[in-house]
N, C-alpha and C. Protein backbone atom coordinates (compact mmCIF):
# COMPACT_ATOMS: atom_id res chain seq x y z
N MET A 1 -55.09 -7.85 62.03
CA MET A 1 -53.81 -7.78 62.75
C MET A 1 -53.17 -6.41 62.53
N SER A 2 -52.71 -5.79 63.61
CA SER A 2 -52.11 -4.46 63.49
C SER A 2 -50.76 -4.54 62.79
N LEU A 3 -50.37 -3.42 62.19
CA LEU A 3 -49.09 -3.35 61.49
C LEU A 3 -47.94 -3.62 62.46
N LYS A 4 -48.03 -3.13 63.66
CA LYS A 4 -46.96 -3.31 64.65
C LYS A 4 -46.77 -4.79 64.99
N ILE A 5 -47.87 -5.50 65.20
CA ILE A 5 -47.79 -6.93 65.51
C ILE A 5 -47.18 -7.69 64.33
N GLN A 6 -47.62 -7.33 63.10
CA GLN A 6 -47.09 -8.00 61.91
C GLN A 6 -45.59 -7.74 61.75
N GLN A 7 -45.17 -6.51 61.99
CA GLN A 7 -43.75 -6.18 61.89
C GLN A 7 -42.93 -6.95 62.92
N ASN A 8 -43.46 -7.08 64.12
CA ASN A 8 -42.76 -7.85 65.15
C ASN A 8 -42.61 -9.30 64.74
N ARG A 9 -43.61 -9.86 64.08
CA ARG A 9 -43.51 -11.23 63.58
C ARG A 9 -42.43 -11.35 62.51
N TYR A 10 -42.38 -10.38 61.60
CA TYR A 10 -41.33 -10.37 60.58
C TYR A 10 -39.94 -10.33 61.22
N LEU A 11 -39.81 -9.51 62.23
CA LEU A 11 -38.52 -9.35 62.91
C LEU A 11 -38.09 -10.63 63.60
N ARG A 12 -39.02 -11.25 64.32
CA ARG A 12 -38.67 -12.47 65.05
C ARG A 12 -38.35 -13.62 64.09
N LYS A 13 -39.11 -13.74 62.99
CA LYS A 13 -38.81 -14.77 62.00
C LYS A 13 -37.43 -14.53 61.38
N THR A 14 -37.15 -13.28 61.07
CA THR A 14 -35.87 -12.94 60.44
C THR A 14 -34.73 -13.17 61.41
N GLU A 15 -34.91 -12.80 62.66
CA GLU A 15 -33.88 -13.02 63.67
C GLU A 15 -33.56 -14.51 63.79
N SER A 16 -34.58 -15.35 63.85
CA SER A 16 -34.38 -16.79 63.98
C SER A 16 -33.66 -17.35 62.74
N TYR A 17 -34.07 -16.90 61.56
CA TYR A 17 -33.46 -17.36 60.32
C TYR A 17 -31.98 -16.98 60.26
N ILE A 18 -31.67 -15.73 60.60
CA ILE A 18 -30.29 -15.25 60.54
C ILE A 18 -29.43 -15.93 61.60
N GLN A 19 -29.98 -16.12 62.78
CA GLN A 19 -29.23 -16.80 63.84
C GLN A 19 -28.85 -18.21 63.41
N ASP A 20 -29.78 -18.94 62.81
CA ASP A 20 -29.49 -20.29 62.33
C ASP A 20 -28.48 -20.26 61.18
N HIS A 21 -28.64 -19.31 60.28
CA HIS A 21 -27.80 -19.24 59.09
C HIS A 21 -26.33 -18.96 59.43
N PHE A 22 -26.10 -18.12 60.44
CA PHE A 22 -24.75 -17.67 60.75
C PHE A 22 -24.14 -18.33 61.98
N GLN A 23 -24.79 -19.34 62.54
CA GLN A 23 -24.33 -19.89 63.81
C GLN A 23 -22.94 -20.52 63.74
N ASP A 24 -22.53 -21.04 62.57
CA ASP A 24 -21.23 -21.68 62.44
C ASP A 24 -20.23 -20.83 61.66
N GLU A 25 -20.54 -19.58 61.43
CA GLU A 25 -19.66 -18.69 60.68
C GLU A 25 -18.47 -18.28 61.54
N GLY A 26 -17.25 -18.56 61.08
CA GLY A 26 -16.06 -18.32 61.89
C GLY A 26 -15.17 -17.20 61.41
N SER A 27 -15.69 -16.33 60.53
CA SER A 27 -14.85 -15.29 59.94
C SER A 27 -14.99 -13.93 60.63
N GLY A 28 -15.72 -13.90 61.74
CA GLY A 28 -15.99 -12.61 62.38
C GLY A 28 -17.29 -11.98 61.91
N HIS A 29 -17.98 -12.66 60.98
CA HIS A 29 -19.28 -12.19 60.49
C HIS A 29 -20.37 -13.15 60.98
N ASP A 30 -20.27 -13.51 62.24
CA ASP A 30 -21.19 -14.50 62.81
C ASP A 30 -22.46 -13.83 63.32
N TRP A 31 -23.32 -14.65 63.94
CA TRP A 31 -24.57 -14.13 64.48
C TRP A 31 -24.33 -13.01 65.49
N TRP A 32 -23.29 -13.14 66.30
CA TRP A 32 -23.07 -12.14 67.35
C TRP A 32 -22.63 -10.80 66.78
N HIS A 33 -21.96 -10.81 65.64
CA HIS A 33 -21.68 -9.55 64.93
C HIS A 33 -22.98 -8.89 64.52
N ILE A 34 -23.88 -9.67 63.93
CA ILE A 34 -25.17 -9.13 63.48
C ILE A 34 -25.99 -8.66 64.68
N TYR A 35 -25.95 -9.42 65.75
CA TYR A 35 -26.65 -9.06 66.99
C TYR A 35 -26.17 -7.70 67.49
N ARG A 36 -24.86 -7.50 67.50
CA ARG A 36 -24.30 -6.23 67.98
C ARG A 36 -24.67 -5.08 67.05
N VAL A 37 -24.58 -5.30 65.74
CA VAL A 37 -24.91 -4.25 64.78
C VAL A 37 -26.37 -3.84 64.94
N ARG A 38 -27.25 -4.83 65.08
CA ARG A 38 -28.68 -4.52 65.28
C ARG A 38 -28.89 -3.66 66.54
N ASN A 39 -28.25 -4.06 67.63
CA ASN A 39 -28.45 -3.35 68.89
C ASN A 39 -27.87 -1.94 68.86
N VAL A 40 -26.70 -1.79 68.26
CA VAL A 40 -26.09 -0.46 68.18
C VAL A 40 -26.90 0.44 67.24
N ALA A 41 -27.37 -0.11 66.13
CA ALA A 41 -28.18 0.68 65.21
C ALA A 41 -29.45 1.19 65.89
N LEU A 42 -30.09 0.34 66.68
CA LEU A 42 -31.30 0.75 67.40
C LEU A 42 -30.97 1.77 68.49
N LYS A 43 -29.81 1.61 69.12
CA LYS A 43 -29.38 2.59 70.12
C LYS A 43 -29.15 3.95 69.47
N LEU A 44 -28.52 3.96 68.31
CA LEU A 44 -28.32 5.21 67.59
C LEU A 44 -29.66 5.83 67.17
N ALA A 45 -30.61 4.97 66.80
CA ALA A 45 -31.93 5.46 66.38
C ALA A 45 -32.66 6.17 67.50
N GLU A 46 -32.39 5.77 68.74
CA GLU A 46 -33.01 6.46 69.88
C GLU A 46 -32.61 7.92 69.92
N ILE A 47 -31.41 8.21 69.41
CA ILE A 47 -30.89 9.57 69.42
C ILE A 47 -31.15 10.28 68.09
N GLU A 48 -30.93 9.55 67.00
CA GLU A 48 -30.92 10.18 65.68
C GLU A 48 -32.26 10.07 64.94
N GLY A 49 -33.14 9.17 65.39
CA GLY A 49 -34.42 8.99 64.71
C GLY A 49 -34.36 7.90 63.65
N GLY A 50 -35.38 7.85 62.81
CA GLY A 50 -35.45 6.84 61.76
C GLY A 50 -36.50 5.78 62.04
N ASN A 51 -36.85 5.03 61.03
CA ASN A 51 -37.85 3.96 61.12
C ASN A 51 -37.19 2.73 61.73
N LYS A 52 -37.53 2.40 62.96
CA LYS A 52 -36.85 1.33 63.67
C LYS A 52 -37.10 -0.04 63.06
N PHE A 53 -38.25 -0.26 62.49
CA PHE A 53 -38.52 -1.54 61.84
C PHE A 53 -37.57 -1.74 60.65
N ILE A 54 -37.45 -0.73 59.82
CA ILE A 54 -36.57 -0.80 58.65
C ILE A 54 -35.12 -0.95 59.10
N ILE A 55 -34.73 -0.20 60.12
CA ILE A 55 -33.36 -0.27 60.64
C ILE A 55 -33.04 -1.67 61.14
N GLU A 56 -33.95 -2.24 61.93
CA GLU A 56 -33.69 -3.55 62.51
C GLU A 56 -33.66 -4.64 61.45
N MET A 57 -34.58 -4.58 60.50
CA MET A 57 -34.59 -5.58 59.43
C MET A 57 -33.31 -5.50 58.61
N ALA A 58 -32.90 -4.30 58.25
CA ALA A 58 -31.69 -4.13 57.44
C ALA A 58 -30.45 -4.59 58.20
N ALA A 59 -30.40 -4.29 59.50
CA ALA A 59 -29.26 -4.72 60.31
C ALA A 59 -29.19 -6.23 60.41
N LEU A 60 -30.33 -6.87 60.59
CA LEU A 60 -30.35 -8.33 60.69
C LEU A 60 -29.92 -9.00 59.38
N LEU A 61 -30.24 -8.38 58.25
CA LEU A 61 -30.01 -9.01 56.96
C LEU A 61 -28.76 -8.50 56.24
N HIS A 62 -28.03 -7.58 56.84
CA HIS A 62 -27.00 -6.85 56.08
C HIS A 62 -25.85 -7.71 55.58
N ASP A 63 -25.60 -8.86 56.19
CA ASP A 63 -24.48 -9.72 55.75
C ASP A 63 -24.93 -10.96 54.98
N LEU A 64 -26.21 -11.11 54.77
CA LEU A 64 -26.71 -12.35 54.16
C LEU A 64 -26.15 -12.57 52.75
N ASP A 65 -25.98 -11.48 51.99
CA ASP A 65 -25.44 -11.58 50.65
C ASP A 65 -24.04 -10.97 50.55
N ASP A 66 -23.36 -10.82 51.68
CA ASP A 66 -22.04 -10.18 51.67
C ASP A 66 -21.08 -10.95 50.76
N TRP A 67 -20.39 -10.22 49.88
CA TRP A 67 -19.47 -10.84 48.92
C TRP A 67 -18.33 -11.60 49.62
N LYS A 68 -17.96 -11.15 50.82
CA LYS A 68 -16.87 -11.82 51.54
C LYS A 68 -17.26 -13.23 51.96
N LEU A 69 -18.55 -13.48 52.09
CA LEU A 69 -19.04 -14.78 52.55
C LEU A 69 -19.64 -15.61 51.42
N ASN A 70 -20.05 -14.94 50.34
CA ASN A 70 -20.78 -15.62 49.28
C ASN A 70 -20.07 -15.65 47.94
N GLY A 71 -18.90 -15.02 47.84
CA GLY A 71 -18.24 -14.95 46.55
C GLY A 71 -19.03 -14.07 45.60
N GLU A 72 -19.13 -14.49 44.36
CA GLU A 72 -19.79 -13.68 43.32
C GLU A 72 -21.19 -14.19 42.99
N SER A 73 -21.87 -14.77 43.96
CA SER A 73 -23.21 -15.30 43.71
C SER A 73 -24.16 -14.21 43.24
N GLU A 74 -24.93 -14.53 42.21
CA GLU A 74 -25.90 -13.57 41.68
C GLU A 74 -27.29 -13.78 42.27
N VAL A 75 -27.43 -14.79 43.09
CA VAL A 75 -28.73 -15.07 43.72
C VAL A 75 -28.83 -14.28 45.02
N SER A 76 -29.83 -13.44 45.14
CA SER A 76 -30.00 -12.63 46.34
C SER A 76 -30.84 -13.39 47.37
N LYS A 77 -30.16 -13.91 48.38
CA LYS A 77 -30.87 -14.59 49.46
C LYS A 77 -31.72 -13.61 50.25
N THR A 78 -31.27 -12.37 50.32
CA THR A 78 -32.02 -11.35 51.06
C THR A 78 -33.35 -11.08 50.38
N LYS A 79 -33.31 -10.84 49.08
CA LYS A 79 -34.54 -10.57 48.33
C LYS A 79 -35.49 -11.76 48.43
N ARG A 80 -34.95 -12.97 48.30
CA ARG A 80 -35.80 -14.16 48.37
C ARG A 80 -36.46 -14.27 49.73
N TRP A 81 -35.70 -13.97 50.80
CA TRP A 81 -36.26 -14.04 52.15
C TRP A 81 -37.37 -13.01 52.34
N LEU A 82 -37.14 -11.80 51.88
CA LEU A 82 -38.14 -10.74 52.02
C LEU A 82 -39.39 -11.06 51.19
N ASP A 83 -39.19 -11.63 50.02
CA ASP A 83 -40.34 -12.03 49.20
C ASP A 83 -41.16 -13.11 49.91
N ASP A 84 -40.45 -14.06 50.52
CA ASP A 84 -41.15 -15.14 51.22
C ASP A 84 -41.90 -14.63 52.44
N LEU A 85 -41.34 -13.61 53.10
CA LEU A 85 -42.03 -13.03 54.25
C LEU A 85 -43.31 -12.34 53.84
N GLY A 86 -43.29 -11.73 52.66
CA GLY A 86 -44.47 -11.03 52.19
C GLY A 86 -44.62 -9.62 52.74
N ILE A 87 -43.51 -8.97 53.08
CA ILE A 87 -43.61 -7.61 53.60
C ILE A 87 -43.97 -6.64 52.48
N LEU A 88 -44.34 -5.43 52.85
CA LEU A 88 -44.70 -4.42 51.88
C LEU A 88 -43.55 -4.19 50.89
N ILE A 89 -43.90 -4.03 49.63
CA ILE A 89 -42.88 -3.81 48.60
C ILE A 89 -42.04 -2.58 48.92
N SER A 90 -42.69 -1.53 49.42
CA SER A 90 -41.96 -0.30 49.75
C SER A 90 -40.95 -0.56 50.85
N ASP A 91 -41.31 -1.36 51.84
CA ASP A 91 -40.37 -1.71 52.92
C ASP A 91 -39.24 -2.58 52.39
N LYS A 92 -39.59 -3.55 51.55
CA LYS A 92 -38.57 -4.43 50.97
C LYS A 92 -37.54 -3.61 50.20
N ASN A 93 -38.01 -2.67 49.40
CA ASN A 93 -37.09 -1.86 48.60
C ASN A 93 -36.19 -0.99 49.47
N LYS A 94 -36.73 -0.47 50.56
CA LYS A 94 -35.93 0.35 51.47
C LYS A 94 -34.84 -0.50 52.13
N ILE A 95 -35.21 -1.70 52.55
CA ILE A 95 -34.25 -2.60 53.22
C ILE A 95 -33.13 -2.99 52.25
N LEU A 96 -33.48 -3.35 51.03
CA LEU A 96 -32.48 -3.73 50.03
C LEU A 96 -31.58 -2.55 49.69
N GLU A 97 -32.15 -1.37 49.62
CA GLU A 97 -31.36 -0.17 49.32
C GLU A 97 -30.34 0.09 50.41
N ILE A 98 -30.75 -0.05 51.67
CA ILE A 98 -29.84 0.15 52.80
C ILE A 98 -28.70 -0.85 52.75
N ILE A 99 -29.03 -2.12 52.55
CA ILE A 99 -28.01 -3.16 52.53
C ILE A 99 -26.99 -2.90 51.42
N GLY A 100 -27.44 -2.37 50.31
CA GLY A 100 -26.54 -2.05 49.22
C GLY A 100 -25.60 -0.91 49.51
N GLN A 101 -25.91 -0.13 50.55
CA GLN A 101 -25.09 1.04 50.88
C GLN A 101 -24.19 0.83 52.10
N VAL A 102 -24.32 -0.29 52.77
CA VAL A 102 -23.64 -0.48 54.06
C VAL A 102 -22.14 -0.73 53.91
N SER A 103 -21.75 -1.61 52.99
CA SER A 103 -20.38 -2.14 52.97
C SER A 103 -19.34 -1.10 52.57
N PHE A 104 -18.16 -1.26 53.16
CA PHE A 104 -16.97 -0.50 52.78
C PHE A 104 -16.40 -1.15 51.52
N LYS A 105 -16.06 -0.33 50.51
CA LYS A 105 -15.64 -0.88 49.22
C LYS A 105 -14.25 -0.43 48.80
N GLY A 106 -13.51 0.15 49.74
CA GLY A 106 -12.17 0.63 49.42
C GLY A 106 -12.01 2.07 49.84
N ALA A 107 -10.80 2.46 50.22
CA ALA A 107 -10.57 3.80 50.76
C ALA A 107 -10.95 4.90 49.78
N GLY A 108 -10.77 4.64 48.49
CA GLY A 108 -11.06 5.67 47.50
C GLY A 108 -12.39 5.52 46.81
N VAL A 109 -13.24 4.62 47.31
CA VAL A 109 -14.54 4.37 46.68
C VAL A 109 -15.64 5.03 47.49
N GLY A 110 -16.35 5.94 46.87
CA GLY A 110 -17.45 6.61 47.57
C GLY A 110 -18.59 5.65 47.83
N ASN A 111 -19.15 5.70 49.02
CA ASN A 111 -20.26 4.82 49.36
C ASN A 111 -21.15 5.55 50.35
N LYS A 112 -21.81 6.56 49.86
CA LYS A 112 -22.57 7.45 50.74
C LYS A 112 -23.93 6.88 51.07
N ALA A 113 -24.18 6.64 52.35
CA ALA A 113 -25.51 6.24 52.79
C ALA A 113 -26.44 7.44 52.66
N ILE A 114 -27.62 7.22 52.14
CA ILE A 114 -28.52 8.35 51.83
C ILE A 114 -29.53 8.61 52.93
N SER A 115 -30.36 7.62 53.26
CA SER A 115 -31.41 7.82 54.26
C SER A 115 -30.83 7.75 55.67
N ILE A 116 -31.57 8.26 56.63
CA ILE A 116 -31.12 8.18 58.03
C ILE A 116 -31.01 6.72 58.45
N GLU A 117 -31.90 5.87 57.95
CA GLU A 117 -31.85 4.44 58.30
C GLU A 117 -30.56 3.81 57.77
N ALA A 118 -30.19 4.13 56.53
CA ALA A 118 -28.96 3.59 55.96
C ALA A 118 -27.74 4.11 56.71
N LYS A 119 -27.77 5.37 57.10
CA LYS A 119 -26.64 5.95 57.83
C LYS A 119 -26.44 5.25 59.17
N LEU A 120 -27.52 4.92 59.85
CA LEU A 120 -27.41 4.29 61.17
C LEU A 120 -26.94 2.85 61.07
N VAL A 121 -27.44 2.11 60.09
CA VAL A 121 -26.98 0.72 59.93
C VAL A 121 -25.52 0.70 59.51
N GLN A 122 -25.15 1.59 58.61
CA GLN A 122 -23.75 1.67 58.19
C GLN A 122 -22.85 2.06 59.36
N ASP A 123 -23.27 3.03 60.14
CA ASP A 123 -22.48 3.44 61.31
C ASP A 123 -22.32 2.29 62.30
N ALA A 124 -23.40 1.57 62.56
CA ALA A 124 -23.34 0.46 63.51
C ALA A 124 -22.41 -0.64 63.01
N ASP A 125 -22.48 -0.94 61.73
CA ASP A 125 -21.60 -1.96 61.15
C ASP A 125 -20.14 -1.53 61.24
N ARG A 126 -19.88 -0.26 61.00
CA ARG A 126 -18.50 0.24 61.04
C ARG A 126 -17.98 0.34 62.48
N LEU A 127 -18.84 0.64 63.40
CA LEU A 127 -18.41 0.65 64.81
C LEU A 127 -17.99 -0.75 65.26
N ASP A 128 -18.65 -1.77 64.74
CA ASP A 128 -18.29 -3.14 65.12
C ASP A 128 -17.00 -3.60 64.44
N ALA A 129 -16.50 -2.81 63.50
CA ALA A 129 -15.26 -3.14 62.81
C ALA A 129 -14.04 -2.52 63.48
N ILE A 130 -14.26 -1.70 64.51
CA ILE A 130 -13.14 -1.04 65.17
C ILE A 130 -13.15 -1.36 66.67
N GLY A 131 -12.09 -0.91 67.36
CA GLY A 131 -11.99 -1.19 68.79
C GLY A 131 -11.54 -2.62 69.05
N ALA A 132 -11.72 -3.09 70.28
CA ALA A 132 -11.28 -4.42 70.67
C ALA A 132 -11.97 -5.51 69.85
N ILE A 133 -13.27 -5.36 69.67
CA ILE A 133 -14.00 -6.35 68.87
C ILE A 133 -13.56 -6.30 67.43
N GLY A 134 -13.33 -5.11 66.91
CA GLY A 134 -12.86 -4.98 65.54
C GLY A 134 -11.52 -5.66 65.33
N ILE A 135 -10.62 -5.53 66.30
CA ILE A 135 -9.32 -6.19 66.22
C ILE A 135 -9.51 -7.71 66.19
N ALA A 136 -10.34 -8.21 67.10
CA ALA A 136 -10.59 -9.66 67.15
C ALA A 136 -11.18 -10.15 65.83
N ARG A 137 -12.11 -9.40 65.27
CA ARG A 137 -12.75 -9.81 64.02
C ARG A 137 -11.77 -9.77 62.85
N THR A 138 -10.87 -8.81 62.87
CA THR A 138 -9.88 -8.70 61.80
C THR A 138 -9.02 -9.95 61.71
N PHE A 139 -8.56 -10.43 62.86
CA PHE A 139 -7.70 -11.61 62.84
C PHE A 139 -8.50 -12.89 62.65
N ALA A 140 -9.75 -12.89 63.08
CA ALA A 140 -10.61 -14.05 62.79
C ALA A 140 -10.83 -14.17 61.28
N TYR A 141 -11.09 -13.05 60.63
CA TYR A 141 -11.31 -13.06 59.18
C TYR A 141 -10.03 -13.45 58.45
N GLY A 142 -8.91 -12.83 58.85
CA GLY A 142 -7.65 -13.15 58.22
C GLY A 142 -7.30 -14.61 58.34
N GLY A 143 -7.52 -15.19 59.53
CA GLY A 143 -7.25 -16.60 59.74
C GLY A 143 -8.14 -17.48 58.88
N SER A 144 -9.41 -17.08 58.74
CA SER A 144 -10.34 -17.88 57.94
C SER A 144 -9.96 -17.89 56.47
N LYS A 145 -9.21 -16.86 56.03
CA LYS A 145 -8.78 -16.75 54.64
C LYS A 145 -7.32 -17.17 54.44
N GLY A 146 -6.69 -17.65 55.52
CA GLY A 146 -5.31 -18.10 55.41
C GLY A 146 -4.30 -16.98 55.23
N ARG A 147 -4.60 -15.80 55.74
CA ARG A 147 -3.72 -14.65 55.57
C ARG A 147 -2.66 -14.58 56.67
N LEU A 148 -1.51 -14.02 56.32
CA LEU A 148 -0.48 -13.74 57.32
C LEU A 148 -0.99 -12.70 58.30
N ILE A 149 -0.43 -12.72 59.51
CA ILE A 149 -0.73 -11.65 60.47
C ILE A 149 -0.06 -10.36 60.00
N TYR A 150 1.21 -10.45 59.65
CA TYR A 150 1.97 -9.26 59.25
C TYR A 150 3.16 -9.67 58.39
N HIS A 151 3.49 -8.84 57.44
CA HIS A 151 4.70 -9.02 56.64
C HIS A 151 5.28 -7.62 56.39
N PRO A 152 6.47 -7.33 56.93
CA PRO A 152 7.03 -5.97 56.80
C PRO A 152 7.30 -5.56 55.36
N GLY A 153 7.37 -6.51 54.44
CA GLY A 153 7.64 -6.17 53.06
C GLY A 153 6.39 -5.92 52.22
N ILE A 154 5.22 -6.13 52.81
CA ILE A 154 3.96 -5.91 52.08
C ILE A 154 3.27 -4.68 52.65
N LYS A 155 3.24 -3.62 51.88
CA LYS A 155 2.71 -2.35 52.36
C LYS A 155 1.21 -2.21 52.09
N PRO A 156 0.50 -1.47 52.94
CA PRO A 156 -0.93 -1.24 52.71
C PRO A 156 -1.16 -0.47 51.42
N GLU A 157 -2.34 -0.67 50.83
CA GLU A 157 -2.74 0.03 49.61
C GLU A 157 -4.09 0.70 49.83
N MET A 158 -4.24 1.91 49.29
CA MET A 158 -5.50 2.62 49.38
C MET A 158 -6.30 2.38 48.10
N TYR A 159 -7.10 1.36 48.10
CA TYR A 159 -7.81 0.95 46.89
C TYR A 159 -8.89 1.97 46.51
N ASP A 160 -8.89 2.35 45.22
CA ASP A 160 -9.94 3.24 44.72
C ASP A 160 -10.83 2.52 43.72
N ASN A 161 -10.77 1.18 43.76
CA ASN A 161 -11.57 0.35 42.88
C ASN A 161 -12.08 -0.85 43.67
N PHE A 162 -13.38 -1.07 43.65
CA PHE A 162 -13.98 -2.13 44.47
C PHE A 162 -13.47 -3.51 44.06
N GLU A 163 -13.28 -3.73 42.76
CA GLU A 163 -12.82 -5.04 42.30
C GLU A 163 -11.42 -5.33 42.83
N GLU A 164 -10.54 -4.33 42.85
CA GLU A 164 -9.20 -4.52 43.39
C GLU A 164 -9.25 -4.75 44.90
N TYR A 165 -10.14 -4.02 45.57
CA TYR A 165 -10.29 -4.19 47.02
C TYR A 165 -10.73 -5.62 47.35
N LYS A 166 -11.64 -6.17 46.56
CA LYS A 166 -12.12 -7.53 46.80
C LYS A 166 -11.03 -8.57 46.58
N ARG A 167 -10.10 -8.29 45.68
CA ARG A 167 -9.04 -9.25 45.38
C ARG A 167 -7.86 -9.16 46.35
N ASN A 168 -7.91 -8.20 47.26
CA ASN A 168 -6.83 -8.00 48.21
C ASN A 168 -6.64 -9.23 49.11
N THR A 169 -5.40 -9.71 49.21
CA THR A 169 -5.09 -10.84 50.08
C THR A 169 -3.95 -10.49 51.05
N ALA A 170 -3.79 -9.22 51.34
CA ALA A 170 -2.68 -8.74 52.16
C ALA A 170 -2.81 -9.21 53.61
N PRO A 171 -1.71 -9.16 54.38
CA PRO A 171 -1.76 -9.53 55.80
C PRO A 171 -2.77 -8.71 56.59
N SER A 172 -3.20 -9.27 57.71
CA SER A 172 -4.27 -8.65 58.50
C SER A 172 -3.90 -7.27 59.04
N ILE A 173 -2.65 -7.06 59.40
CA ILE A 173 -2.25 -5.74 59.91
C ILE A 173 -2.50 -4.65 58.87
N ASN A 174 -2.32 -4.97 57.61
CA ASN A 174 -2.57 -3.98 56.55
C ASN A 174 -4.00 -3.47 56.57
N HIS A 175 -4.92 -4.33 57.00
CA HIS A 175 -6.34 -3.98 57.01
C HIS A 175 -6.62 -2.78 57.92
N PHE A 176 -5.80 -2.60 58.95
CA PHE A 176 -5.98 -1.45 59.82
C PHE A 176 -5.82 -0.16 59.03
N TYR A 177 -4.85 -0.12 58.15
CA TYR A 177 -4.54 1.09 57.38
C TYR A 177 -5.41 1.23 56.15
N GLU A 178 -5.83 0.11 55.61
CA GLU A 178 -6.65 0.13 54.41
C GLU A 178 -8.13 0.39 54.70
N LYS A 179 -8.52 0.16 55.98
CA LYS A 179 -9.94 0.35 56.33
C LYS A 179 -10.16 0.86 57.75
N LEU A 180 -9.74 0.10 58.75
CA LEU A 180 -10.20 0.31 60.12
C LEU A 180 -9.86 1.70 60.67
N LEU A 181 -8.65 2.17 60.44
CA LEU A 181 -8.26 3.48 60.97
C LEU A 181 -8.92 4.63 60.21
N LEU A 182 -9.53 4.32 59.08
CA LEU A 182 -10.23 5.34 58.29
C LEU A 182 -11.67 5.53 58.73
N LEU A 183 -12.22 4.52 59.40
CA LEU A 183 -13.67 4.51 59.63
C LEU A 183 -14.17 5.62 60.55
N LYS A 184 -13.37 6.01 61.52
CA LYS A 184 -13.82 7.06 62.45
C LYS A 184 -14.25 8.32 61.70
N ASN A 185 -13.53 8.64 60.64
CA ASN A 185 -13.83 9.86 59.88
C ASN A 185 -14.84 9.63 58.75
N LEU A 186 -15.32 8.41 58.63
CA LEU A 186 -16.31 8.09 57.60
C LEU A 186 -17.70 7.83 58.18
N LEU A 187 -17.83 7.98 59.49
CA LEU A 187 -19.13 7.77 60.12
C LEU A 187 -20.07 8.93 59.79
N ASN A 188 -21.35 8.63 59.81
CA ASN A 188 -22.36 9.60 59.37
C ASN A 188 -22.89 10.51 60.48
N THR A 189 -23.05 9.96 61.68
CA THR A 189 -23.76 10.68 62.74
C THR A 189 -22.83 11.06 63.88
N ASN A 190 -23.17 12.14 64.55
CA ASN A 190 -22.37 12.60 65.69
C ASN A 190 -22.38 11.57 66.82
N SER A 191 -23.49 10.88 66.98
CA SER A 191 -23.59 9.86 68.03
C SER A 191 -22.58 8.74 67.78
N ALA A 192 -22.48 8.30 66.55
CA ALA A 192 -21.54 7.22 66.21
C ALA A 192 -20.10 7.70 66.32
N LYS A 193 -19.85 8.94 65.91
CA LYS A 193 -18.50 9.49 65.99
C LYS A 193 -18.02 9.55 67.43
N LYS A 194 -18.92 9.89 68.33
CA LYS A 194 -18.56 9.94 69.74
C LYS A 194 -18.24 8.54 70.26
N MET A 195 -19.02 7.55 69.84
CA MET A 195 -18.77 6.17 70.26
C MET A 195 -17.45 5.65 69.69
N ALA A 196 -17.05 6.17 68.55
CA ALA A 196 -15.86 5.66 67.86
C ALA A 196 -14.55 6.14 68.48
N GLU A 197 -14.57 7.22 69.21
CA GLU A 197 -13.32 7.84 69.67
C GLU A 197 -12.46 6.88 70.49
N LYS A 198 -13.04 6.27 71.50
CA LYS A 198 -12.27 5.36 72.36
C LYS A 198 -11.85 4.11 71.61
N ARG A 199 -12.72 3.62 70.74
CA ARG A 199 -12.39 2.43 69.97
C ARG A 199 -11.21 2.71 69.03
N HIS A 200 -11.21 3.87 68.43
CA HIS A 200 -10.12 4.24 67.52
C HIS A 200 -8.79 4.33 68.28
N ARG A 201 -8.80 4.96 69.43
CA ARG A 201 -7.57 5.08 70.23
C ARG A 201 -7.06 3.70 70.64
N PHE A 202 -7.98 2.79 70.95
CA PHE A 202 -7.58 1.44 71.34
C PHE A 202 -6.82 0.75 70.21
N MET A 203 -7.27 0.94 68.98
CA MET A 203 -6.58 0.34 67.85
C MET A 203 -5.19 0.95 67.66
N GLU A 204 -5.08 2.26 67.84
CA GLU A 204 -3.78 2.90 67.73
C GLU A 204 -2.82 2.37 68.79
N ASP A 205 -3.32 2.21 70.00
CA ASP A 205 -2.49 1.67 71.08
C ASP A 205 -2.08 0.23 70.78
N PHE A 206 -3.01 -0.55 70.25
CA PHE A 206 -2.69 -1.93 69.89
C PHE A 206 -1.56 -1.99 68.87
N LEU A 207 -1.63 -1.15 67.84
CA LEU A 207 -0.60 -1.16 66.81
C LEU A 207 0.75 -0.73 67.37
N THR A 208 0.74 0.24 68.26
CA THR A 208 2.00 0.66 68.90
C THR A 208 2.62 -0.51 69.64
N GLN A 209 1.81 -1.23 70.40
CA GLN A 209 2.29 -2.39 71.15
C GLN A 209 2.74 -3.50 70.20
N PHE A 210 1.97 -3.72 69.14
CA PHE A 210 2.31 -4.78 68.18
C PHE A 210 3.70 -4.55 67.58
N TYR A 211 3.95 -3.32 67.12
CA TYR A 211 5.24 -3.03 66.47
C TYR A 211 6.39 -3.07 67.48
N ALA A 212 6.12 -2.66 68.71
CA ALA A 212 7.16 -2.73 69.74
C ALA A 212 7.57 -4.17 69.99
N GLU A 213 6.59 -5.06 70.07
CA GLU A 213 6.90 -6.48 70.26
C GLU A 213 7.58 -7.07 69.02
N TRP A 214 7.12 -6.69 67.84
CA TRP A 214 7.69 -7.20 66.60
C TRP A 214 9.18 -6.83 66.49
N ARG A 215 9.51 -5.63 66.93
CA ARG A 215 10.88 -5.13 66.85
C ARG A 215 11.72 -5.46 68.08
N ASN A 216 11.12 -6.31 68.95
CA ASN A 216 11.80 -6.74 70.16
C ASN A 216 12.19 -5.57 71.05
N LYS A 217 11.26 -4.61 71.17
CA LYS A 217 11.49 -3.43 71.99
C LYS A 217 10.79 -3.51 73.33
N MET A 218 10.11 -4.63 73.60
CA MET A 218 9.35 -4.74 74.85
C MET A 218 9.93 -5.90 75.68
């Protein structure tokens, strides 16, 4: 069996597994988020290069062990899945390395993606966190955690510690300032930065409208 055929089998098995696993996820980290991240990452790869098999596998698996969905579990479902698939150890290690570099950990926490594959998956994930879809996901996540939409007395914080960032329970509007509005300048590739421009402006316009309505100015 050729390597290409085997890789396609790994991808299809992983896609089916992830789709089933996330089908009832209501926090904005559902199958369709992963679907979009995978597709955007592959679109970026057409321009920027990189190993598409590694990119697609990492994109499909990037939220499987996400702390926001799993708490502090020490069991790596991603590693177990890759071991069960039986892919090359070198590929498994690359995929796990990428997944470890994708997540945003606070405004003051460095999280530099190293390989081109990691940069593209991280960019795709961050692009899905901004714009109209990013806004929808923000409030879906906030609602799933029982968070307020907005509280004028609770100000955003620029966390420089991952543990403090994880413990944050602030209203959803704060998340725009603590993460979303920062992402445009944290993207790795020129292709992603270009895609981010309109999405970023949309969020700024949304906030302008939100505050106008909040202050009864509309």
